[in-house]
Amino acid sequence: MSQSKIYDSAEQALQDIIKDGQTLAIGGFGLCGIPEALIVALRDSGVKELTCISNNAGVDDFGLGLLLNTRQIKKMIASYVGENKEFERQFLGGELDVELTPQGTLAEKLRAGGAGIPAFYTATGVGTQVAEGKESREFNGRTYILEHALTADIALVKAQKADKAGNLMFNKTARNFNPDCAMAGKITVAEVEEIVEIGELDADAIHLPGIFVQRIILNRNPEKRIEKVTVKQ
């Protein structure tokens, strides 16, 4: 591995760490804050049999939908999957394994994994299919189910700005699942719009410490489909 965390391209950052059958945690919420260049590089790498942990599965022609189109994902661990027709087709056809997880539970499973906590109890899902096969316990008169933490071989995340040490700043709600995914990954690759020198970021403004980020790639002009520019009332 290079001593520098900065790689020239998404392809270069992934080429020696991506393998068939890996588990990946991928940041984003809908199409907001997704590491789009890294997802394209992942598709182009040709790796297959992937388990992807992400809030959602993108749309048919963008985000993780690109990997579904090429049949590179064997399992999705997600909380929302309603905007991808190819996802629906593969799931109903028995071609895709899906672990549907309540959104807050998914975030906490990633956060716990990154913090070294193996499992936790939550009331979310009690009395539903989510609770089937899971240990339950009563606390203060209320039933909780045991949820196991999630970790990943590789995490792919998106941030607005990084310094050369990998400290990250996110843009408002584009932060979403990205810090949790970054912490849960054994190796985290961050796609950013700007890279600055160490010391240029206000320490109190850093959202994720560089200890959780091993590689950085620059994508100055992401597509950002979710954004709508308003030029007048």
C-alpha atoms as a PDB file:
ATOM      1  CA  MET A   1       0.000   0.000   0.000  1.00  0.00           C
ATOM      2  CA  SER A   2       1.161   3.503  -0.789  1.00  0.00           C
ATOM      3  CA  GLN A   3       2.253   5.614   2.159  1.00  0.00           C
ATOM      4  CA  SER A   4      -0.095   8.315   0.896  1.00  0.00           C
ATOM      5  CA  LYS A   5      -3.819   7.757   1.366  1.00  0.00           C
ATOM      6  CA  ILE A   6      -4.555   9.552  -1.907  1.00  0.00           C
ATOM      7  CA  TYR A   7      -5.048   7.436  -5.029  1.00  0.00           C
ATOM      8  CA  ASP A   8      -5.203   8.717  -8.593  1.00  0.00           C
ATOM      9  CA  SER A   9      -8.521   7.076  -9.456  1.00  0.00           C
ATOM     10  CA  ALA A  10     -11.325   4.960  -8.081  1.00  0.00           C
ATOM     11  CA  GLU A  11     -10.051   2.027 -10.127  1.00  0.00           C
ATOM     12  CA  GLN A  12      -6.571   2.298  -8.620  1.00  0.00           C
ATOM     13  CA  ALA A  13      -7.935   2.579  -5.090  1.00  0.00           C
ATOM     14  CA  LEU A  14      -9.923  -0.645  -5.457  1.00  0.00           C
ATOM     15  CA  GLN A  15      -7.800  -2.853  -7.685  1.00  0.00           C
ATOM     16  CA  ASP A  16      -5.746  -4.663  -5.022  1.00  0.00           C
ATOM     17  CA  ILE A  17      -8.385  -4.932  -2.293  1.00  0.00           C
ATOM     18  CA  ILE A  18     -11.605  -5.976  -4.066  1.00  0.00           C
ATOM     19  CA  LYS A  19     -12.329  -9.694  -4.398  1.00  0.00           C
ATOM     20  CA  ASP A  20     -15.248 -11.972  -5.218  1.00  0.00           C
ATOM     21  CA  GLY A  21     -17.500 -12.839  -2.299  1.00  0.00           C
ATOM     22  CA  GLN A  22     -16.677  -9.839  -0.127  1.00  0.00           C
ATOM     23  CA  THR A  23     -19.040  -7.888   2.103  1.00  0.00           C
ATOM     24  CA  LEU A  24     -19.183  -4.148   1.344  1.00  0.00           C
ATOM     25  CA  ALA A  25     -20.731  -1.312   3.358  1.00  0.00           C
ATOM     26  CA  ILE A  26     -21.724   1.494   1.008  1.00  0.00           C
ATOM     27  CA  GLY A  27     -22.757   4.949   2.212  1.00  0.00           C
ATOM     28  CA  GLY A  28     -25.643   7.051   1.012  1.00  0.00           C
ATOM     29  CA  PHE A  29     -29.364   7.582   1.465  1.00  0.00           C
ATOM     30  CA  GLY A  30     -31.374   7.182  -1.695  1.00  0.00           C
ATOM     31  CA  LEU A  31     -29.097   8.868  -4.227  1.00  0.00           C
ATOM     32  CA  CYS A  32     -27.817  11.416  -1.701  1.00  0.00           C
ATOM     33  CA  GLY A  33     -24.233  11.035  -0.551  1.00  0.00           C
ATOM     34  CA  ILE A  34     -23.439   7.901  -2.569  1.00  0.00           C
ATOM     35  CA  PRO A  35     -19.841   7.181  -3.681  1.00  0.00           C
ATOM     36  CA  GLU A  36     -20.847   7.122  -7.338  1.00  0.00           C
ATOM     37  CA  ALA A  37     -17.374   6.941  -8.902  1.00  0.00           C
ATOM     38  CA  LEU A  38     -16.382   4.090  -6.597  1.00  0.00           C
ATOM     39  CA  ILE A  39     -19.578   2.203  -7.459  1.00  0.00           C
ATOM     40  CA  VAL A  40     -18.803   2.528 -11.185  1.00  0.00           C
ATOM     41  CA  ALA A  41     -15.234   1.317 -10.564  1.00  0.00           C
ATOM     42  CA  LEU A  42     -16.600  -1.597  -8.554  1.00  0.00           C
ATOM     43  CA  ARG A  43     -18.870  -2.528 -11.446  1.00  0.00           C
ATOM     44  CA  ASP A  44     -16.040  -2.252 -13.958  1.00  0.00           C
ATOM     45  CA  SER A  45     -13.789  -4.450 -11.797  1.00  0.00           C
ATOM     46  CA  GLY A  46     -16.028  -7.427 -12.564  1.00  0.00           C
ATOM     47  CA  VAL A  47     -16.068  -8.781  -8.993  1.00  0.00           C
ATOM     48  CA  LYS A  48     -19.123 -10.868  -8.176  1.00  0.00           C
ATOM     49  CA  GLU A  49     -20.982 -12.686  -5.397  1.00  0.00           C
ATOM     50  CA  LEU A  50     -20.966  -9.515  -3.295  1.00  0.00           C
ATOM     51  CA  THR A  51     -22.943  -8.855  -0.131  1.00  0.00           C
ATOM     52  CA  CYS A  52     -23.803  -5.154  -0.020  1.00  0.00           C
ATOM     53  CA  ILE A  53     -24.869  -3.355   3.148  1.00  0.00           C
ATOM     54  CA  SER A  54     -26.525  -0.062   2.237  1.00  0.00           C
ATOM     55  CA  ASN A  55     -29.600   1.942   3.166  1.00  0.00           C
ATOM     56  CA  ASN A  56     -31.076   1.226  -0.267  1.00  0.00           C
ATOM     57  CA  ALA A  57     -30.298  -0.380  -3.612  1.00  0.00           C
ATOM     58  CA  GLY A  58     -30.129   2.710  -5.837  1.00  0.00           C
ATOM     59  CA  VAL A  59     -32.228   3.012  -8.988  1.00  0.00           C
ATOM     60  CA  ASP A  60     -32.056   1.011 -12.201  1.00  0.00           C
ATOM     61  CA  ASP A  61     -29.341   3.090 -13.869  1.00  0.00           C
ATOM     62  CA  PHE A  62     -27.525   4.720 -10.960  1.00  0.00           C
ATOM     63  CA  GLY A  63     -25.976   3.834  -7.631  1.00  0.00           C
ATOM     64  CA  LEU A  64     -26.078   0.186  -6.607  1.00  0.00           C
ATOM     65  CA  GLY A  65     -28.579  -0.422  -9.393  1.00  0.00           C
ATOM     66  CA  LEU A  66     -25.549  -0.602 -11.691  1.00  0.00           C
ATOM     67  CA  LEU A  67     -24.253  -3.641  -9.803  1.00  0.00           C
ATOM     68  CA  LEU A  68     -27.660  -5.305  -9.818  1.00  0.00           C
ATOM     69  CA  ASN A  69     -27.859  -4.887 -13.581  1.00  0.00           C
ATOM     70  CA  THR A  70     -24.590  -6.794 -13.967  1.00  0.00           C
ATOM     71  CA  ARG A  71     -25.583  -9.489 -11.415  1.00  0.00           C
ATOM     72  CA  GLN A  72     -22.596  -8.719  -9.194  1.00  0.00           C
ATOM     73  CA  ILE A  73     -24.631  -8.605  -5.960  1.00  0.00           C
ATOM     74  CA  LYS A  74     -25.806 -11.891  -4.428  1.00  0.00           C
ATOM     75  CA  LYS A  75     -27.210 -10.402  -1.196  1.00  0.00           C
ATOM     76  CA  MET A  76     -28.530  -6.993  -0.126  1.00  0.00           C
ATOM     77  CA  ILE A  77     -28.762  -5.920   3.503  1.00  0.00           C
ATOM     78  CA  ALA A  78     -30.881  -2.777   3.278  1.00  0.00           C
ATOM     79  CA  SER A  79     -33.794  -0.872   4.784  1.00  0.00           C
ATOM     80  CA  TYR A  80     -35.493   0.412   1.616  1.00  0.00           C
ATOM     81  CA  VAL A  81     -35.630  -1.170  -1.824  1.00  0.00           C
ATOM     82  CA  GLY A  82     -38.656   0.378  -3.489  1.00  0.00           C
ATOM     83  CA  GLU A  83     -37.218   2.303  -6.453  1.00  0.00           C
ATOM     84  CA  ASN A  84     -35.403  -0.392  -8.391  1.00  0.00           C
ATOM     85  CA  LYS A  85     -37.354  -2.565 -10.834  1.00  0.00           C
ATOM     86  CA  GLU A  86     -34.390  -4.849 -11.485  1.00  0.00           C
ATOM     87  CA  PHE A  87     -34.049  -5.409  -7.741  1.00  0.00           C
ATOM     88  CA  GLU A  88     -37.719  -6.374  -7.617  1.00  0.00           C
ATOM     89  CA  ARG A  89     -37.358  -8.735 -10.567  1.00  0.00           C
ATOM     90  CA  GLN A  90     -34.308 -10.495  -9.114  1.00  0.00           C
ATOM     91  CA  PHE A  91     -35.837 -10.781  -5.645  1.00  0.00           C
ATOM     92  CA  LEU A  92     -39.186 -12.146  -6.830  1.00  0.00           C
ATOM     93  CA  GLY A  93     -37.329 -14.507  -9.181  1.00  0.00           C
ATOM     94  CA  GLY A  94     -35.278 -15.957  -6.351  1.00  0.00           C
ATOM     95  CA  GLU A  95     -32.018 -14.608  -7.802  1.00  0.00           C
ATOM     96  CA  LEU A  96     -31.208 -12.190  -4.976  1.00  0.00           C
ATOM     97  CA  ASP A  97     -31.014 -12.770  -1.232  1.00  0.00           C
ATOM     98  CA  VAL A  98     -32.442  -9.831   0.741  1.00  0.00           C
ATOM     99  CA  GLU A  99     -32.157  -9.047   4.445  1.00  0.00           C
ATOM    100  CA  LEU A 100     -34.606  -6.191   5.025  1.00  0.00           C
ATOM    101  CA  THR A 101     -33.682  -4.308   8.196  1.00  0.00           C
ATOM    102  CA  PRO A 102     -35.436  -1.374   9.930  1.00  0.00           C
ATOM    103  CA  GLN A 103     -33.557   1.804   9.100  1.00  0.00           C
ATOM    104  CA  GLY A 104     -32.527   2.780  12.622  1.00  0.00           C
ATOM    105  CA  THR A 105     -31.540  -0.804  13.361  1.00  0.00           C
ATOM    106  CA  LEU A 106     -29.383  -0.905  10.242  1.00  0.00           C
ATOM    107  CA  ALA A 107     -27.594   2.293  11.268  1.00  0.00           C
ATOM    108  CA  GLU A 108     -26.998   0.958  14.781  1.00  0.00           C
ATOM    109  CA  LYS A 109     -25.794  -2.433  13.485  1.00  0.00           C
ATOM    110  CA  LEU A 110     -23.116  -0.603  11.473  1.00  0.00           C
ATOM    111  CA  ARG A 111     -22.277   1.796  14.296  1.00  0.00           C
ATOM    112  CA  ALA A 112     -21.985  -1.064  16.765  1.00  0.00           C
ATOM    113  CA  GLY A 113     -19.774  -3.013  14.378  1.00  0.00           C
ATOM    114  CA  GLY A 114     -17.460  -0.041  14.012  1.00  0.00           C
ATOM    115  CA  ALA A 115     -17.340   0.447  17.781  1.00  0.00           C
ATOM    116  CA  GLY A 116     -16.500  -3.192  18.498  1.00  0.00           C
ATOM    117  CA  ILE A 117     -19.898  -3.983  20.051  1.00  0.00           C
ATOM    118  CA  PRO A 118     -21.000  -7.449  18.861  1.00  0.00           C
ATOM    119  CA  ALA A 119     -24.750  -7.095  19.452  1.00  0.00           C
ATOM    120  CA  PHE A 120     -27.443  -4.975  21.100  1.00  0.00           C
ATOM    121  CA  TYR A 121     -31.081  -5.133  22.148  1.00  0.00           C
ATOM    122  CA  THR A 122     -33.766  -3.048  20.464  1.00  0.00           C
ATOM    123  CA  ALA A 123     -37.554  -2.879  20.683  1.00  0.00           C
ATOM    124  CA  THR A 124     -37.814  -2.228  16.942  1.00  0.00           C
ATOM    125  CA  GLY A 125     -39.354  -5.201  15.144  1.00  0.00           C
ATOM    126  CA  VAL A 126     -40.768  -6.967  18.185  1.00  0.00           C
ATOM    127  CA  GLY A 127     -43.888  -8.902  17.196  1.00  0.00           C
ATOM    128  CA  THR A 128     -43.097  -8.742  13.467  1.00  0.00           C
ATOM    129  CA  GLN A 129     -41.245 -10.909  10.944  1.00  0.00           C
ATOM    130  CA  VAL A 130     -38.097  -8.950  11.834  1.00  0.00           C
ATOM    131  CA  ALA A 131     -38.046 -10.736  15.217  1.00  0.00           C
ATOM    132  CA  GLU A 132     -38.347 -14.270  13.836  1.00  0.00           C
ATOM    133  CA  GLY A 133     -35.509 -16.505  14.990  1.00  0.00           C
ATOM    134  CA  LYS A 134     -33.944 -13.821  17.177  1.00  0.00           C
ATOM    135  CA  GLU A 135     -33.283 -13.954  20.896  1.00  0.00           C
ATOM    136  CA  SER A 136     -35.608 -11.768  22.970  1.00  0.00           C
ATOM    137  CA  ARG A 137     -35.365 -10.406  26.490  1.00  0.00           C
ATOM    138  CA  GLU A 138     -37.491  -8.235  28.739  1.00  0.00           C
ATOM    139  CA  PHE A 139     -36.170  -4.983  30.216  1.00  0.00           C
ATOM    140  CA  ASN A 140     -38.337  -2.873  32.537  1.00  0.00           C
ATOM    141  CA  GLY A 141     -41.465  -4.658  31.390  1.00  0.00           C
ATOM    142  CA  ARG A 142     -40.816  -4.254  27.655  1.00  0.00           C
ATOM    143  CA  THR A 143     -39.650  -6.893  25.172  1.00  0.00           C
ATOM    144  CA  TYR A 144     -36.500  -6.354  23.126  1.00  0.00           C
ATOM    145  CA  ILE A 145     -34.825  -8.439  20.428  1.00  0.00           C
ATOM    146  CA  LEU A 146     -31.117  -9.067  20.009  1.00  0.00           C
ATOM    147  CA  GLU A 147     -29.582  -7.681  16.822  1.00  0.00           C
ATOM    148  CA  HIS A 148     -26.045  -8.567  15.772  1.00  0.00           C
ATOM    149  CA  ALA A 149     -23.617  -5.895  14.618  1.00  0.00           C
ATOM    150  CA  LEU A 150     -22.445  -5.566  11.026  1.00  0.00           C
ATOM    151  CA  THR A 151     -18.900  -5.202   9.737  1.00  0.00           C
ATOM    152  CA  ALA A 152     -17.573  -5.192   6.190  1.00  0.00           C
ATOM    153  CA  ASP A 153     -14.432  -6.166   4.324  1.00  0.00           C
ATOM    154  CA  ILE A 154     -14.554  -2.869   2.441  1.00  0.00           C
ATOM    155  CA  ALA A 155     -16.461   0.369   3.032  1.00  0.00           C
ATOM    156  CA  LEU A 156     -17.082   2.842   0.210  1.00  0.00           C
ATOM    157  CA  VAL A 157     -18.147   6.291   1.370  1.00  0.00           C
ATOM    158  CA  LYS A 158     -18.690   9.805   0.036  1.00  0.00           C
ATOM    159  CA  ALA A 159     -17.656  13.054   1.725  1.00  0.00           C
ATOM    160  CA  GLN A 160     -17.443  16.675   0.662  1.00  0.00           C
ATOM    161  CA  LYS A 161     -13.918  17.324   1.853  1.00  0.00           C
ATOM    162  CA  ALA A 162     -10.894  15.445   3.172  1.00  0.00           C
ATOM    163  CA  ASP A 163      -7.435  16.391   4.312  1.00  0.00           C
ATOM    164  CA  LYS A 164      -4.471  14.225   3.349  1.00  0.00           C
ATOM    165  CA  ALA A 165      -4.718  12.318   6.634  1.00  0.00           C
ATOM    166  CA  GLY A 166      -8.218  11.165   5.696  1.00  0.00           C
ATOM    167  CA  ASN A 167     -10.168  13.347   8.120  1.00  0.00           C
ATOM    168  CA  LEU A 168     -13.593  13.878   6.530  1.00  0.00           C
ATOM    169  CA  MET A 169     -16.247  16.578   6.409  1.00  0.00           C
ATOM    170  CA  PHE A 170     -19.700  15.802   5.016  1.00  0.00           C
ATOM    171  CA  ASN A 171     -22.210  18.174   3.464  1.00  0.00           C
ATOM    172  CA  LYS A 172     -25.286  18.384   5.683  1.00  0.00           C
ATOM    173  CA  THR A 173     -27.678  15.450   5.138  1.00  0.00           C
ATOM    174  CA  ALA A 174     -25.267  13.822   2.681  1.00  0.00           C
ATOM    175  CA  ARG A 175     -23.517  12.592   5.822  1.00  0.00           C
ATOM    176  CA  ASN A 176     -26.337  10.048   6.433  1.00  0.00           C
ATOM    177  CA  PHE A 177     -24.988   6.450   6.651  1.00  0.00           C
ATOM    178  CA  ASN A 178     -21.461   7.324   5.524  1.00  0.00           C
ATOM    179  CA  PRO A 179     -19.713   7.623   8.929  1.00  0.00           C
ATOM    180  CA  ASP A 180     -21.314   4.394  10.166  1.00  0.00           C
ATOM    181  CA  CYS A 181     -20.238   2.533   7.023  1.00  0.00           C
ATOM    182  CA  ALA A 182     -16.712   3.955   7.254  1.00  0.00           C
ATOM    183  CA  MET A 183     -16.300   2.799  10.844  1.00  0.00           C
ATOM    184  CA  ALA A 184     -17.642  -0.684  10.069  1.00  0.00           C
ATOM    185  CA  GLY A 185     -15.231  -1.338   7.189  1.00  0.00           C
ATOM    186  CA  LYS A 186     -11.874  -3.063   7.644  1.00  0.00           C
ATOM    187  CA  ILE A 187     -10.627  -0.931   4.740  1.00  0.00           C
ATOM    188  CA  THR A 188     -12.466   2.303   3.954  1.00  0.00           C
ATOM    189  CA  VAL A 189     -12.178   4.165   0.661  1.00  0.00           C
ATOM    190  CA  ALA A 190     -13.553   7.711   0.660  1.00  0.00           C
ATOM    191  CA  GLU A 191     -14.635   9.561  -2.482  1.00  0.00           C
ATOM    192  CA  VAL A 192     -14.407  13.324  -1.918  1.00  0.00           C
ATOM    193  CA  GLU A 193     -14.938  16.552  -3.843  1.00  0.00           C
ATOM    194  CA  GLU A 194     -11.980  18.405  -2.358  1.00  0.00           C
ATOM    195  CA  ILE A 195      -8.665  17.452  -0.730  1.00  0.00           C
ATOM    196  CA  VAL A 196      -6.800  19.942   1.453  1.00  0.00           C
ATOM    197  CA  GLU A 197      -3.547  19.901   3.389  1.00  0.00           C
ATOM    198  CA  ILE A 198      -3.338  18.482   6.891  1.00  0.00           C
ATOM    199  CA  GLY A 199      -4.226  21.227   9.363  1.00  0.00           C
ATOM    200  CA  GLU A 200      -6.527  23.153   7.015  1.00  0.00           C
ATOM    201  CA  LEU A 201      -9.677  21.614   8.489  1.00  0.00           C
ATOM    202  CA  ASP A 202     -10.941  23.033  11.762  1.00  0.00           C
ATOM    203  CA  ALA A 203     -10.557  20.160  14.212  1.00  0.00           C
ATOM    204  CA  ASP A 204     -14.022  20.835  15.630  1.00  0.00           C
ATOM    205  CA  ALA A 205     -15.556  20.671  12.149  1.00  0.00           C
ATOM    206  CA  ILE A 206     -14.264  17.172  11.321  1.00  0.00           C
ATOM    207  CA  HIS A 207     -17.125  14.669  11.208  1.00  0.00           C
ATOM    208  CA  LEU A 208     -15.042  11.493  10.861  1.00  0.00           C
ATOM    209  CA  PRO A 209     -11.426  11.053  12.034  1.00  0.00           C
ATOM    210  CA  GLY A 210      -8.878   9.896   9.493  1.00  0.00           C
ATOM    211  CA  ILE A 211      -8.109   6.751  11.513  1.00  0.00           C
ATOM    212  CA  PHE A 212     -11.217   5.229   9.908  1.00  0.00           C
ATOM    213  CA  VAL A 213     -10.149   6.076   6.335  1.00  0.00           C
ATOM    214  CA  GLN A 214      -7.372   4.201   4.532  1.00  0.00           C
ATOM    215  CA  ARG A 215      -7.774   5.493   0.976  1.00  0.00           C
ATOM    216  CA  ILE A 216      -9.052   8.693  -0.680  1.00  0.00           C
ATOM    217  CA  ILE A 217     -10.005   9.469  -4.271  1.00  0.00           C
ATOM    218  CA  LEU A 218     -10.973  12.824  -5.735  1.00  0.00           C
ATOM    219  CA  ASN A 219     -14.184  13.303  -7.720  1.00  0.00           C
ATOM    220  CA  ARG A 220     -14.551  17.063  -8.189  1.00  0.00           C
ATOM    221  CA  ASN A 221     -17.777  16.961 -10.187  1.00  0.00           C
ATOM    222  CA  PRO A 222     -20.133  14.193  -9.058  1.00  0.00           C
ATOM    223  CA  GLU A 223     -23.493  13.923 -10.771  1.00  0.00           C
ATOM    224  CA  LYS A 224     -25.594  14.541  -7.622  1.00  0.00           C
ATOM    225  CA  ARG A 225     -28.909  13.584  -9.198  1.00  0.00           C
ATOM    226  CA  ILE A 226     -30.749  14.365  -5.974  1.00  0.00           C
ATOM    227  CA  GLU A 227     -29.928  18.080  -6.042  1.00  0.00           C
ATOM    228  CA  LYS A 228     -32.314  20.588  -7.631  1.00  0.00           C
ATOM    229  CA  VAL A 229     -31.001  24.063  -8.422  1.00  0.00           C
ATOM    230  CA  THR A 230     -33.491  26.889  -7.779  1.00  0.00           C
ATOM    231  CA  VAL A 231     -32.649  30.091  -9.656  1.00  0.00           C
ATOM    232  CA  LYS A 232     -35.801  32.094  -8.848  1.00  0.00           C
ATOM    233  CA  GLN A 233     -38.975  31.852  -6.828  1.00  0.00           C
END
